[in-house]
Amino acid sequence: MAAGPASTLPQLSDSDGSGEGGMAEQFLPVLITLGAAVFTAVAILGLAALVAQRSRHNAVTKREIYESGMPLLDSAYKRISVKFYLVALVFVVLDVEVAFLYPWAVTYRELLAEHSVVVLLDMLAFMALLAVAYAYLWKKGVFDWGRRKVYADRGE
């Protein structure tokens, strides 16, 4: 009887003879890792609670707001202009859209060889859409941080 390559491999066996480990055997390393993580977290929190110094000072003074050790000059609860949030949101949106350019630029030569000029036209359309969005936001004044001054035409 000739031994082929398949007969030289060791066979795994378990109770049902399927060659696959049982569910408990497959997930045992995962359960051990989860158990070790939970034990470590509980041990660190418990040790911190045991060793932590108790405050002998007044808790009210510990809760006072300060900035770099200096007393506050103004209230910490001031209203912030919505324009700051708009600029941040526009930055995130345009930045994510520009992030799509990088993979395209890396694979441009391969894509150009496969799909002719269609790839270039698609990206030019995408860039045109970005330019239109940027112009619209500029026209709406999203990028103006200061107050706009309206001057009356004096006829001079």
Protein backbone atom coordinates (compact mmCIF):
# COMPACT_ATOMS: atom_id res chain seq x y z
CA MET A 1 0.00 0.00 0.00
CA ALA A 2 1.53 3.33 -1.06
CA ALA A 3 1.35 6.21 1.37
CA GLY A 4 0.25 9.45 -0.29
CA PRO A 5 0.79 13.00 1.00
CA ALA A 6 -2.62 13.06 2.66
CA SER A 7 -1.89 9.98 4.75
CA THR A 8 1.24 11.53 6.31
CA LEU A 9 -0.67 14.44 7.91
CA PRO A 10 -1.61 13.94 11.55
CA GLN A 11 -5.33 13.58 12.08
CA LEU A 12 -7.11 15.52 14.78
CA SER A 13 -9.72 13.56 16.59
CA ASP A 14 -12.44 14.30 19.05
CA SER A 15 -15.48 12.53 20.38
CA ASP A 16 -17.65 12.84 17.25
CA GLY A 17 -14.81 12.00 14.84
CA SER A 18 -15.28 15.12 12.70
CA GLY A 19 -11.69 16.30 13.17
CA GLU A 20 -12.77 19.67 14.55
CA GLY A 21 -12.44 20.63 18.20
CA GLY A 22 -15.57 21.15 20.23
CA MET A 23 -17.04 24.58 20.88
CA ALA A 24 -15.46 24.76 24.34
CA GLU A 25 -12.03 23.84 22.99
CA GLN A 26 -12.21 26.46 20.23
CA PHE A 27 -13.22 29.34 22.50
CA LEU A 28 -11.18 28.38 25.55
CA PRO A 29 -8.31 30.80 24.71
CA VAL A 30 -10.81 33.63 24.23
CA LEU A 31 -12.47 32.89 27.57
CA ILE A 32 -9.10 32.72 29.32
CA THR A 33 -8.10 36.09 27.82
CA LEU A 34 -11.41 37.69 28.86
CA GLY A 35 -11.05 36.27 32.36
CA ALA A 36 -7.51 37.61 32.66
CA ALA A 37 -8.65 41.06 31.47
CA VAL A 38 -11.53 41.20 33.97
CA PHE A 39 -9.28 39.97 36.78
CA THR A 40 -6.63 42.58 35.95
CA ALA A 41 -9.18 45.41 35.85
CA VAL A 42 -10.76 44.39 39.16
CA ALA A 43 -7.35 43.94 40.78
CA ILE A 44 -6.13 47.38 39.67
CA LEU A 45 -9.32 49.13 40.82
CA GLY A 46 -9.32 47.26 44.13
CA LEU A 47 -5.66 48.02 44.78
CA ALA A 48 -6.22 51.70 43.96
CA ALA A 49 -9.14 51.85 46.41
CA LEU A 50 -7.06 50.22 49.15
CA VAL A 51 -3.93 52.31 48.69
CA ALA A 52 -5.54 55.66 47.79
CA GLN A 53 -4.96 58.53 50.19
CA ARG A 54 -8.07 59.93 51.76
CA SER A 55 -8.49 63.68 51.47
CA ARG A 56 -8.40 65.55 54.76
CA HIS A 57 -9.12 68.88 53.07
CA ASN A 58 -12.44 70.48 52.43
CA ALA A 59 -14.02 68.87 49.34
CA VAL A 60 -15.50 72.21 48.21
CA THR A 61 -12.07 73.77 47.67
CA LYS A 62 -10.96 70.71 45.74
CA ARG A 63 -13.85 71.11 43.32
CA GLU A 64 -13.10 74.74 42.47
CA ILE A 65 -12.28 75.42 38.85
CA TYR A 66 -8.81 76.74 38.09
CA GLU A 67 -6.65 77.05 35.03
CA SER A 68 -2.94 76.33 35.46
CA GLY A 69 -3.09 77.35 39.09
CA MET A 70 -4.43 80.79 38.28
CA PRO A 71 -7.85 81.95 39.42
CA LEU A 72 -10.44 82.40 36.71
CA LEU A 73 -10.88 85.88 35.30
CA ASP A 74 -14.32 85.17 33.86
CA SER A 75 -17.06 82.59 34.05
CA ALA A 76 -16.22 79.17 32.67
CA TYR A 77 -19.75 78.84 31.28
CA LYS A 78 -19.74 81.32 28.42
CA ARG A 79 -21.58 80.98 25.16
CA ILE A 80 -19.40 80.21 22.19
CA SER A 81 -20.26 81.41 18.71
CA VAL A 82 -21.74 78.82 16.38
CA LYS A 83 -19.23 79.89 13.71
CA PHE A 84 -16.47 78.01 15.53
CA TYR A 85 -18.51 74.81 15.35
CA LEU A 86 -19.34 75.44 11.69
CA VAL A 87 -15.68 75.89 10.79
CA ALA A 88 -14.80 72.70 12.68
CA LEU A 89 -17.59 70.75 11.00
CA VAL A 90 -16.64 72.02 7.54
CA PHE A 91 -13.02 71.13 8.21
CA VAL A 92 -13.96 67.58 9.18
CA VAL A 93 -16.21 67.12 6.14
CA LEU A 94 -13.71 68.52 3.64
CA ASP A 95 -10.83 66.68 5.30
CA VAL A 96 -12.63 63.34 5.05
CA GLU A 97 -13.44 64.03 1.41
CA VAL A 98 -9.82 64.89 0.68
CA ALA A 99 -8.80 61.66 2.40
CA PHE A 100 -10.51 59.86 -0.50
CA LEU A 101 -7.96 61.44 -2.84
CA TYR A 102 -4.97 59.64 -1.34
CA PRO A 103 -5.87 56.04 -2.31
CA TRP A 104 -6.90 57.27 -5.74
CA ALA A 105 -3.57 59.05 -6.21
CA VAL A 106 -1.61 55.98 -5.11
CA THR A 107 -3.35 53.65 -7.57
CA TYR A 108 -3.90 56.19 -10.36
CA ARG A 109 -1.47 54.67 -12.87
CA GLU A 110 -2.87 51.16 -12.51
CA LEU A 111 -6.44 52.45 -12.71
CA LEU A 112 -5.60 54.57 -15.76
CA ALA A 113 -4.16 51.54 -17.57
CA GLU A 114 -7.30 49.49 -16.87
CA HIS A 115 -10.11 52.03 -17.25
CA SER A 116 -8.69 54.63 -19.63
CA VAL A 117 -9.67 58.25 -18.92
CA VAL A 118 -12.88 57.48 -17.00
CA VAL A 119 -10.96 57.41 -13.71
CA LEU A 120 -9.55 60.88 -14.31
CA LEU A 121 -12.96 62.27 -15.26
CA ASP A 122 -14.53 60.78 -12.12
CA MET A 123 -11.93 62.45 -9.91
CA LEU A 124 -12.26 65.76 -11.76
CA ALA A 125 -16.03 65.64 -11.14
CA PHE A 126 -15.37 64.92 -7.46
CA MET A 127 -12.93 67.86 -7.23
CA ALA A 128 -15.44 70.13 -9.01
CA LEU A 129 -18.08 69.16 -6.45
CA LEU A 130 -15.65 69.99 -3.64
CA ALA A 131 -14.88 73.36 -5.24
CA VAL A 132 -18.60 74.17 -5.56
CA ALA A 133 -19.17 73.25 -1.89
CA TYR A 134 -16.19 75.37 -0.82
CA ALA A 135 -17.41 78.36 -2.87
CA TYR A 136 -20.92 78.01 -1.42
CA LEU A 137 -19.56 77.95 2.15
CA TRP A 138 -17.34 80.95 1.40
CA LYS A 139 -20.30 82.88 -0.04
CA LYS A 140 -22.40 82.07 3.06
CA GLY A 141 -19.66 83.50 5.28
CA VAL A 142 -18.82 80.31 7.17
CA PHE A 143 -15.11 81.12 7.04
CA ASP A 144 -15.52 84.71 8.34
CA TRP A 145 -14.69 84.63 12.04
CA GLY A 146 -15.22 88.29 12.77
CA ARG A 147 -18.42 90.23 12.57
CA ARG A 148 -19.25 91.60 9.16
CA LYS A 149 -19.53 95.34 9.05
CA VAL A 150 -22.21 96.70 6.79
CA TYR A 151 -21.35 100.10 5.40
CA ALA A 152 -24.06 102.26 3.93
CA ASP A 153 -23.33 103.64 0.50
CA ARG A 154 -22.77 107.35 1.04
CA GLY A 155 -22.69 108.14 -2.63
CA GLU A 156 -19.10 109.37 -2.56
